[in-house]
Each structure stands twice: as structure tokens, then as C-alpha cells.
Amino acid sequence: MRGKSSARVASIGVTRAKLAFEEGLGWLFREQPTEDYGIDAHAEVVDEKMVRGRQLSLQIKSGTSW
């Protein structure tokens, strides 16, 4: 059986990050739809149900080496 393709591993990593930010922290999460070697997503702080206007740019790493 072959290993998972790098695109699939990357997609799983982004999905797990999305769950961590949205379910774990209650923050907004916006995936970048363009595949590249830079920013994979943005997360925006939500505090007490108020969007604060603070964002994080995320480069998400996944797979066995990470």
C-alpha cells in the first residue's frame, strides 16, 4: 500500500487546524484556496463573541516529519 499523497496530507493538516481553531478556541478560520508555499490560512480572534480584528496568518505543516 502506498503512502498518502502530499496534497492529501496537507489537506488533512489544514482540516485539523480548522477544527482546533473553530471548535477549540471559537475563532474564525479562513483557508486560502490557492496552493502555494506560503500562507495556508488565516485565523481571526473572537473574544466573548466579539470579533476583535486581530488575525494570524498560518503556514500549516503536517505529515510524519512534523
N, C-alpha and C. Protein backbone atom coordinates (compact mmCIF):
# COMPACT_ATOMS: atom_id res chain seq x y z
N MET A 1 0.84 -1.19 0.00
CA MET A 1 0.00 0.00 0.00
C MET A 1 0.88 1.24 0.00
N ARG A 2 0.58 2.18 -0.83
CA ARG A 2 1.32 3.42 -0.91
C ARG A 2 0.91 4.38 0.19
N GLY A 3 1.82 5.29 0.51
CA GLY A 3 1.51 6.32 1.49
C GLY A 3 0.58 7.37 0.90
N LYS A 4 0.09 8.24 1.75
CA LYS A 4 -0.80 9.31 1.31
C LYS A 4 -0.03 10.33 0.49
N SER A 5 -0.67 10.89 -0.51
CA SER A 5 -0.03 11.93 -1.31
C SER A 5 0.20 13.16 -0.44
N SER A 6 1.17 13.97 -0.81
CA SER A 6 1.48 15.15 -0.01
C SER A 6 0.30 16.14 -0.01
N ALA A 7 -0.44 16.22 -1.10
CA ALA A 7 -1.61 17.11 -1.15
C ALA A 7 -2.68 16.66 -0.16
N ARG A 8 -2.87 15.35 -0.06
CA ARG A 8 -3.87 14.82 0.87
C ARG A 8 -3.43 15.05 2.31
N VAL A 9 -2.15 14.82 2.60
CA VAL A 9 -1.62 15.06 3.95
C VAL A 9 -1.78 16.53 4.31
N ALA A 10 -1.48 17.43 3.38
CA ALA A 10 -1.63 18.86 3.62
C ALA A 10 -3.09 19.22 3.89
N SER A 11 -4.01 18.64 3.14
CA SER A 11 -5.44 18.90 3.33
C SER A 11 -5.90 18.44 4.71
N ILE A 12 -5.43 17.27 5.13
CA ILE A 12 -5.78 16.76 6.46
C ILE A 12 -5.24 17.70 7.54
N GLY A 13 -4.02 18.19 7.35
CA GLY A 13 -3.43 19.13 8.31
C GLY A 13 -4.23 20.40 8.44
N VAL A 14 -4.67 20.95 7.33
CA VAL A 14 -5.48 22.18 7.35
C VAL A 14 -6.82 21.91 8.03
N THR A 15 -7.42 20.76 7.75
CA THR A 15 -8.70 20.41 8.38
C THR A 15 -8.56 20.29 9.89
N ARG A 16 -7.49 19.68 10.34
CA ARG A 16 -7.26 19.55 11.79
C ARG A 16 -7.02 20.91 12.44
N ALA A 17 -6.29 21.77 11.75
CA ALA A 17 -6.06 23.12 12.26
C ALA A 17 -7.39 23.88 12.34
N LYS A 18 -8.22 23.73 11.31
CA LYS A 18 -9.54 24.37 11.29
C LYS A 18 -10.37 23.95 12.50
N LEU A 19 -10.39 22.66 12.78
CA LEU A 19 -11.14 22.16 13.94
C LEU A 19 -10.58 22.72 15.24
N ALA A 20 -9.27 22.79 15.35
CA ALA A 20 -8.65 23.31 16.57
C ALA A 20 -9.02 24.78 16.80
N PHE A 21 -8.97 25.58 15.74
CA PHE A 21 -9.30 26.99 15.90
C PHE A 21 -10.79 27.23 16.09
N GLU A 22 -11.62 26.56 15.28
CA GLU A 22 -13.06 26.81 15.35
C GLU A 22 -13.71 26.16 16.57
N GLU A 23 -13.44 24.88 16.80
CA GLU A 23 -14.07 24.19 17.91
C GLU A 23 -13.33 24.42 19.22
N GLY A 24 -12.02 24.40 19.16
CA GLY A 24 -11.23 24.55 20.38
C GLY A 24 -11.21 25.96 20.94
N LEU A 25 -11.00 26.94 20.07
CA LEU A 25 -10.88 28.33 20.50
C LEU A 25 -12.12 29.18 20.22
N GLY A 26 -12.96 28.73 19.29
CA GLY A 26 -14.13 29.52 18.90
C GLY A 26 -13.77 30.68 17.99
N TRP A 27 -12.61 30.62 17.33
CA TRP A 27 -12.16 31.67 16.44
C TRP A 27 -12.66 31.41 15.03
N LEU A 28 -12.56 32.41 14.17
CA LEU A 28 -12.87 32.27 12.75
C LEU A 28 -11.65 31.70 12.04
N PHE A 29 -11.88 30.88 11.02
CA PHE A 29 -10.79 30.25 10.28
C PHE A 29 -11.11 30.37 8.80
N ARG A 30 -10.16 30.91 8.04
CA ARG A 30 -10.36 31.07 6.60
C ARG A 30 -9.20 30.41 5.86
N GLU A 31 -9.51 29.33 5.19
CA GLU A 31 -8.49 28.64 4.41
C GLU A 31 -8.19 29.42 3.13
N GLN A 32 -6.93 29.46 2.75
CA GLN A 32 -6.53 30.06 1.49
C GLN A 32 -6.71 28.99 0.41
N PRO A 33 -7.53 29.24 -0.59
CA PRO A 33 -7.83 28.21 -1.59
C PRO A 33 -6.69 27.93 -2.58
N THR A 34 -5.72 28.83 -2.69
CA THR A 34 -4.64 28.66 -3.65
C THR A 34 -3.50 27.87 -3.02
N GLU A 35 -3.10 26.78 -3.66
CA GLU A 35 -1.97 26.00 -3.16
C GLU A 35 -0.68 26.71 -3.52
N ASP A 36 0.15 26.93 -2.53
CA ASP A 36 1.45 27.53 -2.77
C ASP A 36 2.38 27.14 -1.63
N TYR A 37 3.43 27.89 -1.44
CA TYR A 37 4.38 27.59 -0.38
C TYR A 37 4.39 28.68 0.67
N GLY A 38 3.29 29.36 0.84
CA GLY A 38 3.22 30.47 1.79
C GLY A 38 2.11 30.28 2.80
N ILE A 39 1.21 31.23 2.84
CA ILE A 39 0.13 31.24 3.82
C ILE A 39 -0.93 30.22 3.42
N ASP A 40 -1.28 29.34 4.38
CA ASP A 40 -2.30 28.31 4.13
C ASP A 40 -3.69 28.74 4.62
N ALA A 41 -3.72 29.62 5.63
CA ALA A 41 -5.00 30.02 6.20
C ALA A 41 -4.80 31.27 7.06
N HIS A 42 -5.91 31.88 7.43
CA HIS A 42 -5.92 32.97 8.39
C HIS A 42 -6.87 32.60 9.52
N ALA A 43 -6.49 32.94 10.73
CA ALA A 43 -7.37 32.76 11.89
C ALA A 43 -7.62 34.13 12.50
N GLU A 44 -8.85 34.38 12.87
CA GLU A 44 -9.21 35.68 13.45
C GLU A 44 -9.74 35.49 14.86
N VAL A 45 -9.21 36.30 15.77
CA VAL A 45 -9.55 36.19 17.18
C VAL A 45 -11.00 36.58 17.42
N VAL A 46 -11.71 35.72 18.15
CA VAL A 46 -13.06 36.02 18.63
C VAL A 46 -13.01 35.89 20.14
N ASP A 47 -13.36 36.98 20.83
CA ASP A 47 -13.28 37.03 22.29
C ASP A 47 -14.64 37.43 22.84
N GLU A 48 -15.21 36.55 23.65
CA GLU A 48 -16.53 36.85 24.22
C GLU A 48 -17.55 37.15 23.12
N LYS A 49 -17.51 36.39 22.03
CA LYS A 49 -18.40 36.51 20.87
C LYS A 49 -18.21 37.82 20.10
N MET A 50 -17.10 38.52 20.36
CA MET A 50 -16.80 39.75 19.64
C MET A 50 -15.58 39.49 18.76
N VAL A 51 -15.71 39.81 17.47
CA VAL A 51 -14.57 39.72 16.56
C VAL A 51 -13.69 40.92 16.83
N ARG A 52 -12.42 40.65 17.13
CA ARG A 52 -11.52 41.71 17.59
C ARG A 52 -10.69 42.38 16.49
N GLY A 53 -10.74 41.86 15.28
CA GLY A 53 -9.96 42.45 14.21
C GLY A 53 -8.50 42.05 14.23
N ARG A 54 -8.15 41.08 15.04
CA ARG A 54 -6.77 40.57 15.10
C ARG A 54 -6.71 39.27 14.33
N GLN A 55 -5.76 39.17 13.42
CA GLN A 55 -5.63 37.97 12.59
C GLN A 55 -4.24 37.38 12.69
N LEU A 56 -4.20 36.07 12.52
CA LEU A 56 -2.95 35.34 12.39
C LEU A 56 -2.89 34.77 10.99
N SER A 57 -1.74 34.88 10.35
CA SER A 57 -1.51 34.19 9.09
C SER A 57 -0.82 32.88 9.44
N LEU A 58 -1.31 31.78 8.88
CA LEU A 58 -0.83 30.46 9.27
C LEU A 58 -0.18 29.73 8.11
N GLN A 59 0.97 29.16 8.37
CA GLN A 59 1.56 28.20 7.46
C GLN A 59 1.49 26.86 8.20
N ILE A 60 0.66 25.97 7.71
CA ILE A 60 0.34 24.73 8.42
C ILE A 60 1.21 23.59 7.89
N LYS A 61 1.90 22.95 8.80
CA LYS A 61 2.76 21.81 8.45
C LYS A 61 2.10 20.55 8.96
N SER A 62 2.20 19.47 8.18
CA SER A 62 1.61 18.20 8.60
C SER A 62 2.41 17.05 8.00
N GLY A 63 2.11 15.86 8.46
CA GLY A 63 2.82 14.68 7.99
C GLY A 63 3.75 14.15 9.06
N THR A 64 4.40 13.06 8.78
CA THR A 64 5.23 12.39 9.79
C THR A 64 6.46 13.20 10.17
N SER A 65 6.97 14.03 9.29
CA SER A 65 8.16 14.81 9.62
C SER A 65 7.85 15.97 10.54
N TRP A 66 6.59 16.31 10.72
CA TRP A 66 6.20 17.42 11.58
C TRP A 66 5.54 16.91 12.82
